[in-house]
């Protein structure tokens, strides 16, 4: 992997973490305040997809991660 590819992966990891943080807040809001469980499930699915992508990127660096819990 060259430096440009590494920089792109680092940027993507940062983006994924920002997206997961936003989704955690949305999941918490809909779970605790709006009660719209269909939205909770939709946001949890999006979060899961981001975390799968994160896991894949990190595996390129020989890093294995375990994701605990559902959200916030």
PDB file of N, CA and C in Angstrom:
ATOM      1  N   UNK A   1       0.851  -1.169   0.000  1.00  0.00           N
ATOM      2  CA  UNK A   1       0.000   0.000   0.000  1.00  0.00           C
ATOM      3  C   UNK A   1       0.901   1.237   0.000  1.00  0.00           C
ATOM      4  N   UNK A   2       0.610   2.174  -0.909  1.00  0.00           N
ATOM      5  CA  UNK A   2       1.431   3.381  -0.953  1.00  0.00           C
ATOM      6  C   UNK A   2       0.864   4.461  -0.029  1.00  0.00           C
ATOM      7  N   UNK A   3       1.608   5.548   0.107  1.00  0.00           N
ATOM      8  CA  UNK A   3       1.212   6.611   1.039  1.00  0.00           C
ATOM      9  C   UNK A   3      -0.145   7.221   0.699  1.00  0.00           C
ATOM     10  N   UNK A   4      -0.430   7.392  -0.591  1.00  0.00           N
ATOM     11  CA  UNK A   4      -1.716   7.966  -0.991  1.00  0.00           C
ATOM     12  C   UNK A   4      -2.865   7.048  -0.582  1.00  0.00           C
ATOM     13  N   UNK A   5      -2.699   5.762  -0.793  1.00  0.00           N
ATOM     14  CA  UNK A   5      -3.736   4.805  -0.403  1.00  0.00           C
ATOM     15  C   UNK A   5      -3.942   4.807   1.107  1.00  0.00           C
ATOM     16  N   UNK A   6      -2.855   4.899   1.839  1.00  0.00           N
ATOM     17  CA  UNK A   6      -2.956   4.947   3.303  1.00  0.00           C
ATOM     18  C   UNK A   6      -3.689   6.207   3.735  1.00  0.00           C
ATOM     19  N   UNK A   7      -3.340   7.357   3.130  1.00  0.00           N
ATOM     20  CA  UNK A   7      -4.017   8.613   3.466  1.00  0.00           C
ATOM     21  C   UNK A   7      -5.509   8.539   3.163  1.00  0.00           C
ATOM     22  N   UNK A   8      -5.865   7.919   2.039  1.00  0.00           N
ATOM     23  CA  UNK A   8      -7.280   7.775   1.681  1.00  0.00           C
ATOM     24  C   UNK A   8      -8.012   6.895   2.693  1.00  0.00           C
ATOM     25  N   UNK A   9      -7.367   5.841   3.131  1.00  0.00           N
ATOM     26  CA  UNK A   9      -7.988   4.948   4.118  1.00  0.00           C
ATOM     27  C   UNK A   9      -8.150   5.648   5.468  1.00  0.00           C
ATOM     28  N   UNK A  10      -7.149   6.434   5.847  1.00  0.00           N
ATOM     29  CA  UNK A  10      -7.237   7.190   7.101  1.00  0.00           C
ATOM     30  C   UNK A  10      -8.398   8.175   7.035  1.00  0.00           C
ATOM     31  N   UNK A  11      -8.528   8.876   5.911  1.00  0.00           N
ATOM     32  CA  UNK A  11      -9.623   9.830   5.743  1.00  0.00           C
ATOM     33  C   UNK A  11     -10.971   9.115   5.797  1.00  0.00           C
ATOM     34  N   UNK A  12     -11.055   7.944   5.186  1.00  0.00           N
ATOM     35  CA  UNK A  12     -12.309   7.195   5.187  1.00  0.00           C
ATOM     36  C   UNK A  12     -12.654   6.713   6.589  1.00  0.00           C
ATOM     37  N   UNK A  13     -11.650   6.256   7.343  1.00  0.00           N
ATOM     38  CA  UNK A  13     -11.887   5.830   8.730  1.00  0.00           C
ATOM     39  C   UNK A  13     -12.448   6.995   9.539  1.00  0.00           C
ATOM     40  N   UNK A  14     -11.857   8.184   9.383  1.00  0.00           N
ATOM     41  CA  UNK A  14     -12.346   9.361  10.105  1.00  0.00           C
ATOM     42  C   UNK A  14     -13.784   9.672   9.706  1.00  0.00           C
ATOM     43  N   UNK A  15     -14.082   9.583   8.420  1.00  0.00           N
ATOM     44  CA  UNK A  15     -15.438   9.842   7.940  1.00  0.00           C
ATOM     45  C   UNK A  15     -16.424   8.831   8.522  1.00  0.00           C
ATOM     46  N   UNK A  16     -16.047   7.571   8.521  1.00  0.00           N
ATOM     47  CA  UNK A  16     -16.924   6.532   9.073  1.00  0.00           C
ATOM     48  C   UNK A  16     -17.204   6.798  10.549  1.00  0.00           C
ATOM     49  N   UNK A  17     -16.178   7.157  11.303  1.00  0.00           N
ATOM     50  CA  UNK A  17     -16.375   7.430  12.732  1.00  0.00           C
ATOM     51  C   UNK A  17     -17.318   8.608  12.946  1.00  0.00           C
ATOM     52  N   UNK A  18     -17.215   9.638  12.111  1.00  0.00           N
ATOM     53  CA  UNK A  18     -18.140  10.775  12.205  1.00  0.00           C
ATOM     54  C   UNK A  18     -19.564  10.332  11.896  1.00  0.00           C
ATOM     55  N   UNK A  19     -19.725   9.515  10.855  1.00  0.00           N
ATOM     56  CA  UNK A  19     -21.056   9.031  10.491  1.00  0.00           C
ATOM     57  C   UNK A  19     -21.660   8.173  11.602  1.00  0.00           C
ATOM     58  N   UNK A  20     -20.851   7.308  12.184  1.00  0.00           N
ATOM     59  CA  UNK A  20     -21.329   6.451  13.278  1.00  0.00           C
ATOM     60  C   UNK A  20     -21.744   7.300  14.472  1.00  0.00           C
ATOM     61  N   UNK A  21     -20.972   8.334  14.773  1.00  0.00           N
ATOM     62  CA  UNK A  21     -21.320   9.219  15.883  1.00  0.00           C
ATOM     63  C   UNK A  21     -22.678   9.880  15.640  1.00  0.00           C
ATOM     64  N   UNK A  22     -22.899  10.383  14.432  1.00  0.00           N
ATOM     65  CA  UNK A  22     -24.189  11.006  14.092  1.00  0.00           C
ATOM     66  C   UNK A  22     -25.325   9.987  14.190  1.00  0.00           C
ATOM     67  N   UNK A  23     -25.075   8.791  13.680  1.00  0.00           N
ATOM     68  CA  UNK A  23     -26.106   7.756  13.741  1.00  0.00           C
ATOM     69  C   UNK A  23     -26.417   7.360  15.178  1.00  0.00           C
ATOM     70  N   UNK A  24     -25.397   7.286  16.022  1.00  0.00           N
ATOM     71  CA  UNK A  24     -25.628   6.975  17.440  1.00  0.00           C
ATOM     72  C   UNK A  24     -26.576   7.990  18.069  1.00  0.00           C
ATOM     73  N   UNK A  25     -26.369   9.265  17.744  1.00  0.00           N
ATOM     74  CA  UNK A  25     -27.245  10.310  18.291  1.00  0.00           C
ATOM     75  C   UNK A  25     -28.672  10.165  17.756  1.00  0.00           C
ATOM     76  N   UNK A  26     -28.798   9.847  16.469  1.00  0.00           N
ATOM     77  CA  UNK A  26     -30.130   9.684  15.885  1.00  0.00           C
ATOM     78  C   UNK A  26     -30.837   8.459  16.474  1.00  0.00           C
ATOM     79  N   UNK A  27     -30.101   7.387  16.666  1.00  0.00           N
ATOM     80  CA  UNK A  27     -30.678   6.180  17.270  1.00  0.00           C
ATOM     81  C   UNK A  27     -31.158   6.485  18.681  1.00  0.00           C
ATOM     82  N   UNK A  28     -30.323   7.155  19.444  1.00  0.00           N
ATOM     83  CA  UNK A  28     -30.688   7.504  20.819  1.00  0.00           C
ATOM     84  C   UNK A  28     -31.926   8.394  20.844  1.00  0.00           C
ATOM     85  N   UNK A  29     -31.976   9.390  19.960  1.00  0.00           N
ATOM     86  CA  UNK A  29     -33.127  10.293  19.904  1.00  0.00           C
ATOM     87  C   UNK A  29     -34.408   9.514  19.601  1.00  0.00           C
ATOM     88  N   UNK A  30     -34.379   8.709  18.556  1.00  0.00           N
ATOM     89  CA  UNK A  30     -35.596   7.998  18.152  1.00  0.00           C
ATOM     90  C   UNK A  30     -35.990   6.923  19.161  1.00  0.00           C
ATOM     91  N   UNK A  31     -35.014   6.334  19.818  1.00  0.00           N
ATOM     92  CA  UNK A  31     -35.319   5.311  20.821  1.00  0.00           C
ATOM     93  C   UNK A  31     -35.918   5.956  22.078  1.00  0.00           C
ATOM     94  N   UNK A  32     -35.333   7.082  22.507  1.00  0.00           N
ATOM     95  CA  UNK A  32     -35.711   7.681  23.785  1.00  0.00           C
ATOM     96  C   UNK A  32     -36.818   8.722  23.685  1.00  0.00           C
ATOM     97  N   UNK A  33     -36.906   9.425  22.547  1.00  0.00           N
ATOM     98  CA  UNK A  33     -37.835  10.550  22.495  1.00  0.00           C
ATOM     99  C   UNK A  33     -38.974  10.376  21.500  1.00  0.00           C
ATOM    100  N   UNK A  34     -38.681   9.927  20.295  1.00  0.00           N
ATOM    101  CA  UNK A  34     -39.762   9.847  19.311  1.00  0.00           C
ATOM    102  C   UNK A  34     -40.469   8.498  19.336  1.00  0.00           C
ATOM    103  N   UNK A  35     -39.759   7.463  19.766  1.00  0.00           N
ATOM    104  CA  UNK A  35     -40.362   6.139  19.827  1.00  0.00           C
ATOM    105  C   UNK A  35     -40.577   5.486  18.471  1.00  0.00           C
ATOM    106  N   UNK A  36     -40.019   6.063  17.419  1.00  0.00           N
ATOM    107  CA  UNK A  36     -40.174   5.504  16.077  1.00  0.00           C
ATOM    108  C   UNK A  36     -39.165   4.377  15.872  1.00  0.00           C
ATOM    109  N   UNK A  37     -39.586   3.167  16.181  1.00  0.00           N
ATOM    110  CA  UNK A  37     -38.681   2.026  16.125  1.00  0.00           C
ATOM    111  C   UNK A  37     -38.262   1.685  14.698  1.00  0.00           C
ATOM    112  N   UNK A  38     -39.091   2.027  13.709  1.00  0.00           N
ATOM    113  CA  UNK A  38     -38.678   1.774  12.323  1.00  0.00           C
ATOM    114  C   UNK A  38     -37.466   2.633  11.969  1.00  0.00           C
ATOM    115  N   UNK A  39     -37.419   3.857  12.486  1.00  0.00           N
ATOM    116  CA  UNK A  39     -36.262   4.726  12.261  1.00  0.00           C
ATOM    117  C   UNK A  39     -35.046   4.184  13.002  1.00  0.00           C
ATOM    118  N   UNK A  40     -35.263   3.686  14.207  1.00  0.00           N
ATOM    119  CA  UNK A  40     -34.162   3.099  14.985  1.00  0.00           C
ATOM    120  C   UNK A  40     -33.545   1.948  14.198  1.00  0.00           C
ATOM    121  N   UNK A  41     -34.380   1.058  13.677  1.00  0.00           N
ATOM    122  CA  UNK A  41     -33.871  -0.091  12.916  1.00  0.00           C
ATOM    123  C   UNK A  41     -33.133   0.357  11.657  1.00  0.00           C
ATOM    124  N   UNK A  42     -33.672   1.364  10.994  1.00  0.00           N
ATOM    125  CA  UNK A  42     -33.031   1.874   9.778  1.00  0.00           C
ATOM    126  C   UNK A  42     -31.650   2.455  10.100  1.00  0.00           C
ATOM    127  N   UNK A  43     -31.567   3.259  11.148  1.00  0.00           N
ATOM    128  CA  UNK A  43     -30.281   3.850  11.535  1.00  0.00           C
ATOM    129  C   UNK A  43     -29.310   2.785  12.045  1.00  0.00           C
ATOM    130  N   UNK A  44     -29.816   1.786  12.747  1.00  0.00           N
ATOM    131  CA  UNK A  44     -28.945   0.702  13.212  1.00  0.00           C
ATOM    132  C   UNK A  44     -28.369  -0.083  12.036  1.00  0.00           C
ATOM    133  N   UNK A  45     -29.164  -0.278  10.998  1.00  0.00           N
ATOM    134  CA  UNK A  45     -28.671  -0.978   9.805  1.00  0.00           C
ATOM    135  C   UNK A  45     -27.585  -0.155   9.113  1.00  0.00           C
ATOM    136  N   UNK A  46     -27.799   1.141   8.997  1.00  0.00           N
ATOM    137  CA  UNK A  46     -26.781   2.007   8.398  1.00  0.00           C
ATOM    138  C   UNK A  46     -25.496   1.968   9.222  1.00  0.00           C
ATOM    139  N   UNK A  47     -25.648   2.023  10.535  1.00  0.00           N
ATOM    140  CA  UNK A  47     -24.490   1.968  11.440  1.00  0.00           C
ATOM    141  C   UNK A  47     -23.733   0.660  11.256  1.00  0.00           C
ATOM    142  N   UNK A  48     -24.456  -0.428  11.153  1.00  0.00           N
ATOM    143  CA  UNK A  48     -23.848  -1.737  10.963  1.00  0.00           C
ATOM    144  C   UNK A  48     -23.054  -1.795   9.657  1.00  0.00           C
ATOM    145  N   UNK A  49     -23.589  -1.206   8.604  1.00  0.00           N
ATOM    146  CA  UNK A  49     -22.887  -1.185   7.320  1.00  0.00           C
ATOM    147  C   UNK A  49     -21.599  -0.376   7.417  1.00  0.00           C
ATOM    148  N   UNK A  50     -21.651   0.773   8.090  1.00  0.00           N
ATOM    149  CA  UNK A  50     -20.437   1.571   8.287  1.00  0.00           C
ATOM    150  C   UNK A  50     -19.404   0.790   9.098  1.00  0.00           C
ATOM    151  N   UNK A  51     -19.852   0.101  10.131  1.00  0.00           N
ATOM    152  CA  UNK A  51     -18.916  -0.650  10.971  1.00  0.00           C
ATOM    153  C   UNK A  51     -18.307  -1.837  10.227  1.00  0.00           C
ATOM    154  N   UNK A  52     -19.074  -2.441   9.333  1.00  0.00           N
ATOM    155  CA  UNK A  52     -18.512  -3.508   8.495  1.00  0.00           C
ATOM    156  C   UNK A  52     -17.412  -2.951   7.596  1.00  0.00           C
ATOM    157  N   UNK A  53     -17.665  -1.778   7.030  1.00  0.00           N
ATOM    158  CA  UNK A  53     -16.651  -1.139   6.187  1.00  0.00           C
ATOM    159  C   UNK A  53     -15.411  -0.786   7.008  1.00  0.00           C
ATOM    160  N   UNK A  54     -15.612  -0.271   8.208  1.00  0.00           N
ATOM    161  CA  UNK A  54     -14.491   0.063   9.091  1.00  0.00           C
ATOM    162  C   UNK A  54     -13.671  -1.186   9.402  1.00  0.00           C
ATOM    163  N   UNK A  55     -14.351  -2.263   9.722  1.00  0.00           N
ATOM    164  CA  UNK A  55     -13.681  -3.532  10.024  1.00  0.00           C
ATOM    165  C   UNK A  55     -12.832  -3.982   8.831  1.00  0.00           C
ATOM    166  N   UNK A  56     -13.384  -3.837   7.627  1.00  0.00           N
ATOM    167  CA  UNK A  56     -12.667  -4.237   6.413  1.00  0.00           C
ATOM    168  C   UNK A  56     -11.420  -3.374   6.191  1.00  0.00           C
ATOM    169  N   UNK A  57     -11.555  -2.065   6.346  1.00  0.00           N
ATOM    170  CA  UNK A  57     -10.406  -1.173   6.169  1.00  0.00           C
ATOM    171  C   UNK A  57      -9.312  -1.510   7.169  1.00  0.00           C
ATOM    172  N   UNK A  58      -9.688  -1.674   8.428  1.00  0.00           N
ATOM    173  CA  UNK A  58      -8.690  -1.954   9.458  1.00  0.00           C
ATOM    174  C   UNK A  58      -8.024  -3.306   9.253  1.00  0.00           C
ATOM    175  N   UNK A  59      -8.736  -4.247   8.664  1.00  0.00           N
ATOM    176  CA  UNK A  59      -8.130  -5.556   8.409  1.00  0.00           C
ATOM    177  C   UNK A  59      -6.980  -5.445   7.413  1.00  0.00           C
ATOM    178  N   UNK A  60      -6.997  -4.417   6.560  1.00  0.00           N
ATOM    179  CA  UNK A  60      -5.878  -4.180   5.643  1.00  0.00           C
ATOM    180  C   UNK A  60      -4.599  -3.832   6.390  1.00  0.00           C
ATOM    181  N   UNK A  61      -4.741  -3.399   7.631  1.00  0.00           N
ATOM    182  CA  UNK A  61      -3.600  -3.057   8.479  1.00  0.00           C
ATOM    183  C   UNK A  61      -3.343  -4.154   9.517  1.00  0.00           C
ATOM    184  N   UNK A  62      -3.939  -5.325   9.292  1.00  0.00           N
ATOM    185  CA  UNK A  62      -3.837  -6.453  10.221  1.00  0.00           C
ATOM    186  C   UNK A  62      -4.372  -6.105  11.609  1.00  0.00           C
ATOM    187  N   UNK A  63      -5.469  -5.355  11.616  1.00  0.00           N
ATOM    188  CA  UNK A  63      -6.140  -4.983  12.861  1.00  0.00           C
ATOM    189  C   UNK A  63      -7.529  -5.609  12.840  1.00  0.00           C
ATOM    190  N   UNK A  64      -7.806  -6.438  13.822  1.00  0.00           N
ATOM    191  CA  UNK A  64      -9.128  -7.036  13.970  1.00  0.00           C
ATOM    192  C   UNK A  64      -9.838  -6.333  15.116  1.00  0.00           C
ATOM    193  N   UNK A  65     -11.093  -5.947  14.884  1.00  0.00           N
ATOM    194  CA  UNK A  65     -11.851  -5.266  15.932  1.00  0.00           C
ATOM    195  C   UNK A  65     -13.128  -6.042  16.226  1.00  0.00           C
ATOM    196  N   UNK A  66     -13.591  -5.880  17.445  1.00  0.00           N
ATOM    197  CA  UNK A  66     -14.864  -6.446  17.869  1.00  0.00           C
ATOM    198  C   UNK A  66     -15.758  -5.280  18.251  1.00  0.00           C
ATOM    199  N   UNK A  67     -16.930  -5.219  17.646  1.00  0.00           N
ATOM    200  CA  UNK A  67     -17.878  -4.149  17.923  1.00  0.00           C
ATOM    201  C   UNK A  67     -18.824  -4.632  19.015  1.00  0.00           C
ATOM    202  N   UNK A  68     -18.906  -3.877  20.103  1.00  0.00           N
ATOM    203  CA  UNK A  68     -19.785  -4.245  21.212  1.00  0.00           C
ATOM    204  C   UNK A  68     -20.969  -3.293  21.261  1.00  0.00           C
ATOM    205  N   UNK A  69     -22.096  -3.820  21.626  1.00  0.00           N
ATOM    206  CA  UNK A  69     -23.282  -2.997  21.804  1.00  0.00           C
ATOM    207  C   UNK A  69     -23.895  -2.597  20.485  1.00  0.00           C
ATOM    208  N   UNK A  70     -25.101  -2.082  20.583  1.00  0.00           N
ATOM    209  CA  UNK A  70     -25.823  -1.656  19.388  1.00  0.00           C
ATOM    210  C   UNK A  70     -25.535  -0.207  19.065  1.00  0.00           C
ATOM    211  N   UNK A  71     -25.778   0.680  20.004  1.00  0.00           N
ATOM    212  CA  UNK A  71     -25.575   2.109  19.758  1.00  0.00           C
ATOM    213  C   UNK A  71     -25.607   2.840  21.077  1.00  0.00           C
ATOM    214  N   UNK A  72     -25.244   4.089  21.000  1.00  0.00           N
ATOM    215  CA  UNK A  72     -25.149   5.022  22.121  1.00  0.00           C
ATOM    216  C   UNK A  72     -25.788   4.597  23.402  1.00  0.00           C
TER     217      UNK A  72
END
